[in-house]
Amino acid sequence: MPRIKCRWMLTPLVHAILSSAAFAQVMEIDKVEVIGHYDNRIGTSDAASAGVITSQLIDDRPLLRPGEVLEYIPGMIVTQHSGAGKANQYFLRGFNLDHGTDFSTYVAGMPINMRSHAHGQGYTDLNFMIPELISRIDYFKGPYYASKGDFATAGGANIFYFDKLKRTSPS
């Protein structure tokens, strides 16, 4: 109860300070405009369960491992699994996807989830991928996409490569 009394007692004092001329002069600031990546065509989403990530966003953020490109998907976490020779471990919206078992992944139209991998069905290893060649990532989350196959129970991503590369002049 004392916290409520203090809060209400400070209200007249705060009101007096905010309405004073001295405070108004101090508070004159320039307009600040903040643009998120969804407002400047670096990425788009029609819903929380699907969207597109463009190459500009991938170029703007550093990567340690190729599999980290999936971290551009909101709610996706990619960690390095302990032990040698294993692919990353994936989490989506707090759910453990192990090595991608429930997350359908395609690179340049090729399915990445290996059905017969010795470590486990649905194993997803993106270590071969070249992030600089990615033109966009289409992602979807949730169990709403049965047409995407049996590995898409938690979601999935289609990673597209550029069709052409920009030619640079030698310096």
C-alpha atoms as a PDB file:
ATOM      1  CA  MET A   1       0.000   0.000   0.000  1.00  0.00           C
ATOM      2  CA  PRO A   2       2.743   2.576   0.650  1.00  0.00           C
ATOM      3  CA  ARG A   3       3.861   2.308  -2.992  1.00  0.00           C
ATOM      4  CA  ILE A   4       0.418   3.351  -4.215  1.00  0.00           C
ATOM      5  CA  LYS A   5       0.364   6.360  -1.865  1.00  0.00           C
ATOM      6  CA  CYS A   6       3.826   7.488  -3.003  1.00  0.00           C
ATOM      7  CA  ARG A   7       2.883   7.166  -6.639  1.00  0.00           C
ATOM      8  CA  TRP A   8      -0.209   9.311  -6.221  1.00  0.00           C
ATOM      9  CA  MET A   9       1.643  11.875  -4.096  1.00  0.00           C
ATOM     10  CA  LEU A  10       4.293  12.361  -6.797  1.00  0.00           C
ATOM     11  CA  THR A  11       1.735  12.954  -9.535  1.00  0.00           C
ATOM     12  CA  PRO A  12       1.136  16.677  -8.733  1.00  0.00           C
ATOM     13  CA  LEU A  13       4.913  17.268  -8.500  1.00  0.00           C
ATOM     14  CA  VAL A  14       5.581  15.535 -11.820  1.00  0.00           C
ATOM     15  CA  HIS A  15       2.720  17.465 -13.427  1.00  0.00           C
ATOM     16  CA  ALA A  16       4.175  20.766 -12.191  1.00  0.00           C
ATOM     17  CA  ILE A  17       7.640  19.940 -13.558  1.00  0.00           C
ATOM     18  CA  LEU A  18       6.332  18.806 -16.931  1.00  0.00           C
ATOM     19  CA  SER A  19       4.206  21.918 -17.381  1.00  0.00           C
ATOM     20  CA  SER A  20       6.982  24.361 -16.431  1.00  0.00           C
ATOM     21  CA  ALA A  21       8.573  26.526 -19.138  1.00  0.00           C
ATOM     22  CA  ALA A  22      12.110  25.490 -18.111  1.00  0.00           C
ATOM     23  CA  PHE A  23      11.344  21.820 -18.670  1.00  0.00           C
ATOM     24  CA  ALA A  24       9.760  22.546 -22.069  1.00  0.00           C
ATOM     25  CA  GLN A  25      12.953  24.286 -23.242  1.00  0.00           C
ATOM     26  CA  VAL A  26      15.163  21.416 -22.118  1.00  0.00           C
ATOM     27  CA  MET A  27      12.986  18.823 -23.856  1.00  0.00           C
ATOM     28  CA  GLU A  28      13.282  20.245 -27.384  1.00  0.00           C
ATOM     29  CA  ILE A  29      14.827  17.439 -29.435  1.00  0.00           C
ATOM     30  CA  ASP A  30      15.127  16.619 -33.095  1.00  0.00           C
ATOM     31  CA  LYS A  31      12.778  14.113 -34.652  1.00  0.00           C
ATOM     32  CA  VAL A  32      14.220  10.598 -34.685  1.00  0.00           C
ATOM     33  CA  GLU A  33      12.973   8.102 -37.254  1.00  0.00           C
ATOM     34  CA  VAL A  34      13.576   4.397 -36.654  1.00  0.00           C
ATOM     35  CA  ILE A  35      13.176   2.023 -39.591  1.00  0.00           C
ATOM     36  CA  GLY A  36      13.020  -1.703 -38.915  1.00  0.00           C
ATOM     37  CA  HIS A  37      13.991  -4.293 -41.494  1.00  0.00           C
ATOM     38  CA  TYR A  38      10.349  -5.044 -42.187  1.00  0.00           C
ATOM     39  CA  ASP A  39       9.743  -1.424 -43.216  1.00  0.00           C
ATOM     40  CA  ASN A  40      12.565  -1.074 -45.725  1.00  0.00           C
ATOM     41  CA  ARG A  41      12.034  -4.176 -47.892  1.00  0.00           C
ATOM     42  CA  ILE A  42      14.898  -6.145 -46.342  1.00  0.00           C
ATOM     43  CA  GLY A  43      12.365  -8.666 -45.067  1.00  0.00           C
ATOM     44  CA  THR A  44       8.617  -9.054 -45.237  1.00  0.00           C
ATOM     45  CA  SER A  45       5.993 -11.091 -43.467  1.00  0.00           C
ATOM     46  CA  ASP A  46       2.281 -11.424 -44.041  1.00  0.00           C
ATOM     47  CA  ALA A  47       1.776 -13.264 -40.756  1.00  0.00           C
ATOM     48  CA  ALA A  48       3.745 -14.384 -37.712  1.00  0.00           C
ATOM     49  CA  SER A  49       3.895 -17.863 -39.220  1.00  0.00           C
ATOM     50  CA  ALA A  50       5.440 -17.020 -42.618  1.00  0.00           C
ATOM     51  CA  GLY A  51       7.689 -14.497 -44.312  1.00  0.00           C
ATOM     52  CA  VAL A  52      10.612 -13.710 -46.595  1.00  0.00           C
ATOM     53  CA  ILE A  53      14.170 -12.685 -45.739  1.00  0.00           C
ATOM     54  CA  THR A  54      16.160 -10.964 -48.478  1.00  0.00           C
ATOM     55  CA  SER A  55      19.881 -10.998 -49.181  1.00  0.00           C
ATOM     56  CA  GLN A  56      20.239  -7.451 -47.832  1.00  0.00           C
ATOM     57  CA  LEU A  57      19.452  -8.585 -44.287  1.00  0.00           C
ATOM     58  CA  ILE A  58      21.881 -11.489 -44.626  1.00  0.00           C
ATOM     59  CA  ASP A  59      24.601  -9.097 -45.876  1.00  0.00           C
ATOM     60  CA  ASP A  60      23.997  -6.713 -42.964  1.00  0.00           C
ATOM     61  CA  ARG A  61      24.551  -9.254 -40.172  1.00  0.00           C
ATOM     62  CA  PRO A  62      27.721 -11.268 -39.518  1.00  0.00           C
ATOM     63  CA  LEU A  63      27.662 -15.074 -39.412  1.00  0.00           C
ATOM     64  CA  LEU A  64      29.929 -17.549 -37.645  1.00  0.00           C
ATOM     65  CA  ARG A  65      28.522 -20.684 -39.259  1.00  0.00           C
ATOM     66  CA  PRO A  66      26.478 -21.214 -42.454  1.00  0.00           C
ATOM     67  CA  GLY A  67      23.573 -22.748 -40.526  1.00  0.00           C
ATOM     68  CA  GLU A  68      23.077 -19.466 -38.683  1.00  0.00           C
ATOM     69  CA  VAL A  69      21.213 -18.038 -41.676  1.00  0.00           C
ATOM     70  CA  LEU A  70      18.164 -19.778 -40.217  1.00  0.00           C
ATOM     71  CA  GLU A  71      18.428 -17.456 -37.199  1.00  0.00           C
ATOM     72  CA  TYR A  72      17.069 -14.669 -39.400  1.00  0.00           C
ATOM     73  CA  ILE A  73      13.744 -16.459 -39.034  1.00  0.00           C
ATOM     74  CA  PRO A  74      11.944 -14.882 -36.053  1.00  0.00           C
ATOM     75  CA  GLY A  75      11.860 -17.344 -33.144  1.00  0.00           C
ATOM     76  CA  MET A  76      14.570 -19.630 -34.557  1.00  0.00           C
ATOM     77  CA  ILE A  77      17.741 -20.399 -32.598  1.00  0.00           C
ATOM     78  CA  VAL A  78      20.696 -22.296 -34.086  1.00  0.00           C
ATOM     79  CA  THR A  79      23.357 -23.652 -31.734  1.00  0.00           C
ATOM     80  CA  GLN A  80      26.523 -25.605 -32.275  1.00  0.00           C
ATOM     81  CA  HIS A  81      25.978 -29.145 -31.054  1.00  0.00           C
ATOM     82  CA  SER A  82      28.596 -30.736 -28.821  1.00  0.00           C
ATOM     83  CA  GLY A  83      30.770 -33.370 -30.394  1.00  0.00           C
ATOM     84  CA  ALA A  84      32.635 -33.558 -33.645  1.00  0.00           C
ATOM     85  CA  GLY A  85      31.041 -34.039 -37.042  1.00  0.00           C
ATOM     86  CA  LYS A  86      27.498 -33.077 -36.107  1.00  0.00           C
ATOM     87  CA  ALA A  87      25.193 -30.525 -37.636  1.00  0.00           C
ATOM     88  CA  ASN A  88      23.749 -27.625 -35.687  1.00  0.00           C
ATOM     89  CA  GLN A  89      20.962 -28.058 -33.190  1.00  0.00           C
ATOM     90  CA  TYR A  90      17.796 -26.073 -33.917  1.00  0.00           C
ATOM     91  CA  PHE A  91      15.103 -24.557 -31.713  1.00  0.00           C
ATOM     92  CA  LEU A  92      11.915 -22.908 -32.990  1.00  0.00           C
ATOM     93  CA  ARG A  93       9.624 -20.940 -30.688  1.00  0.00           C
ATOM     94  CA  GLY A  94      11.184 -22.712 -27.713  1.00  0.00           C
ATOM     95  CA  PHE A  95      10.784 -26.234 -29.087  1.00  0.00           C
ATOM     96  CA  ASN A  96      13.836 -28.443 -29.543  1.00  0.00           C
ATOM     97  CA  LEU A  97      14.053 -29.580 -33.177  1.00  0.00           C
ATOM     98  CA  ASP A  98      17.191 -31.635 -32.447  1.00  0.00           C
ATOM     99  CA  HIS A  99      19.149 -31.564 -35.733  1.00  0.00           C
ATOM    100  CA  GLY A 100      16.256 -30.313 -37.842  1.00  0.00           C
ATOM    101  CA  THR A 101      14.001 -33.349 -37.654  1.00  0.00           C
ATOM    102  CA  ASP A 102      10.803 -31.282 -37.586  1.00  0.00           C
ATOM    103  CA  PHE A 103      12.019 -28.389 -39.754  1.00  0.00           C
ATOM    104  CA  SER A 104      11.898 -28.961 -43.506  1.00  0.00           C
ATOM    105  CA  THR A 105      14.841 -27.264 -45.220  1.00  0.00           C
ATOM    106  CA  TYR A 106      15.574 -26.800 -48.912  1.00  0.00           C
ATOM    107  CA  VAL A 107      18.590 -25.115 -50.539  1.00  0.00           C
ATOM    108  CA  ALA A 108      18.238 -24.200 -54.213  1.00  0.00           C
ATOM    109  CA  GLY A 109      15.318 -26.636 -54.486  1.00  0.00           C
ATOM    110  CA  MET A 110      17.258 -29.544 -52.988  1.00  0.00           C
ATOM    111  CA  PRO A 111      15.818 -31.164 -49.814  1.00  0.00           C
ATOM    112  CA  ILE A 112      18.364 -31.089 -46.991  1.00  0.00           C
ATOM    113  CA  ASN A 113      16.662 -33.293 -44.392  1.00  0.00           C
ATOM    114  CA  MET A 114      18.288 -36.696 -44.763  1.00  0.00           C
ATOM    115  CA  ARG A 115      15.765 -39.492 -44.250  1.00  0.00           C
ATOM    116  CA  SER A 116      18.313 -42.241 -43.695  1.00  0.00           C
ATOM    117  CA  HIS A 117      20.990 -40.476 -41.685  1.00  0.00           C
ATOM    118  CA  ALA A 118      22.640 -42.670 -39.037  1.00  0.00           C
ATOM    119  CA  HIS A 119      22.338 -39.963 -36.386  1.00  0.00           C
ATOM    120  CA  GLY A 120      18.584 -39.680 -36.851  1.00  0.00           C
ATOM    121  CA  GLN A 121      15.832 -39.388 -39.442  1.00  0.00           C
ATOM    122  CA  GLY A 122      15.471 -35.841 -40.738  1.00  0.00           C
ATOM    123  CA  TYR A 123      19.044 -34.742 -40.023  1.00  0.00           C
ATOM    124  CA  THR A 124      19.687 -31.232 -41.420  1.00  0.00           C
ATOM    125  CA  ASP A 125      23.273 -30.238 -42.132  1.00  0.00           C
ATOM    126  CA  LEU A 126      23.737 -26.789 -43.718  1.00  0.00           C
ATOM    127  CA  ASN A 127      27.525 -26.604 -43.345  1.00  0.00           C
ATOM    128  CA  PHE A 128      28.012 -26.928 -47.115  1.00  0.00           C
ATOM    129  CA  MET A 129      25.944 -23.817 -47.841  1.00  0.00           C
ATOM    130  CA  ILE A 130      27.536 -20.538 -49.019  1.00  0.00           C
ATOM    131  CA  PRO A 131      25.628 -17.672 -47.284  1.00  0.00           C
ATOM    132  CA  GLU A 132      26.945 -15.041 -49.724  1.00  0.00           C
ATOM    133  CA  LEU A 133      25.039 -16.735 -52.555  1.00  0.00           C
ATOM    134  CA  ILE A 134      21.632 -16.560 -50.847  1.00  0.00           C
ATOM    135  CA  SER A 135      19.124 -14.344 -52.631  1.00  0.00           C
ATOM    136  CA  ARG A 136      16.246 -14.933 -50.198  1.00  0.00           C
ATOM    137  CA  ILE A 137      14.796 -17.260 -47.595  1.00  0.00           C
ATOM    138  CA  ASP A 138      11.098 -18.098 -47.556  1.00  0.00           C
ATOM    139  CA  TYR A 139      10.101 -19.445 -44.162  1.00  0.00           C
ATOM    140  CA  PHE A 140       6.986 -20.873 -42.576  1.00  0.00           C
ATOM    141  CA  LYS A 141       6.312 -21.871 -38.976  1.00  0.00           C
ATOM    142  CA  GLY A 142       3.764 -24.104 -37.344  1.00  0.00           C
ATOM    143  CA  PRO A 143       1.888 -27.267 -38.338  1.00  0.00           C
ATOM    144  CA  TYR A 144      -0.194 -25.473 -40.989  1.00  0.00           C
ATOM    145  CA  TYR A 145       1.782 -26.636 -44.025  1.00  0.00           C
ATOM    146  CA  ALA A 146       1.080 -30.354 -44.482  1.00  0.00           C
ATOM    147  CA  SER A 147       1.851 -30.021 -48.196  1.00  0.00           C
ATOM    148  CA  LYS A 148       5.512 -29.323 -47.314  1.00  0.00           C
ATOM    149  CA  GLY A 149       6.151 -32.908 -46.219  1.00  0.00           C
ATOM    150  CA  ASP A 150       6.702 -35.003 -43.127  1.00  0.00           C
ATOM    151  CA  PHE A 151       9.650 -32.954 -41.835  1.00  0.00           C
ATOM    152  CA  ALA A 152       7.632 -29.707 -41.726  1.00  0.00           C
ATOM    153  CA  THR A 153       5.715 -30.384 -38.503  1.00  0.00           C
ATOM    154  CA  ALA A 154       7.298 -27.337 -36.799  1.00  0.00           C
ATOM    155  CA  GLY A 155       7.971 -25.317 -39.971  1.00  0.00           C
ATOM    156  CA  GLY A 156      10.522 -25.000 -42.689  1.00  0.00           C
ATOM    157  CA  ALA A 157      12.627 -22.805 -44.929  1.00  0.00           C
ATOM    158  CA  ASN A 158      13.305 -22.603 -48.650  1.00  0.00           C
ATOM    159  CA  ILE A 159      16.708 -21.036 -49.242  1.00  0.00           C
ATOM    160  CA  PHE A 160      17.215 -19.636 -52.738  1.00  0.00           C
ATOM    161  CA  TYR A 161      20.548 -18.866 -54.418  1.00  0.00           C
ATOM    162  CA  PHE A 162      21.110 -16.021 -56.858  1.00  0.00           C
ATOM    163  CA  ASP A 163      20.640 -16.911 -60.538  1.00  0.00           C
ATOM    164  CA  LYS A 164      23.316 -14.407 -61.563  1.00  0.00           C
ATOM    165  CA  LEU A 165      26.144 -12.732 -59.692  1.00  0.00           C
ATOM    166  CA  LYS A 166      27.130  -9.097 -60.055  1.00  0.00           C
ATOM    167  CA  ARG A 167      30.267  -8.644 -62.081  1.00  0.00           C
ATOM    168  CA  THR A 168      32.970  -6.662 -60.321  1.00  0.00           C
ATOM    169  CA  SER A 169      35.933  -5.088 -62.027  1.00  0.00           C
ATOM    170  CA  PRO A 170      39.377  -6.159 -60.803  1.00  0.00           C
ATOM    171  CA  SER A 171      41.154  -3.525 -58.761  1.00  0.00           C
END
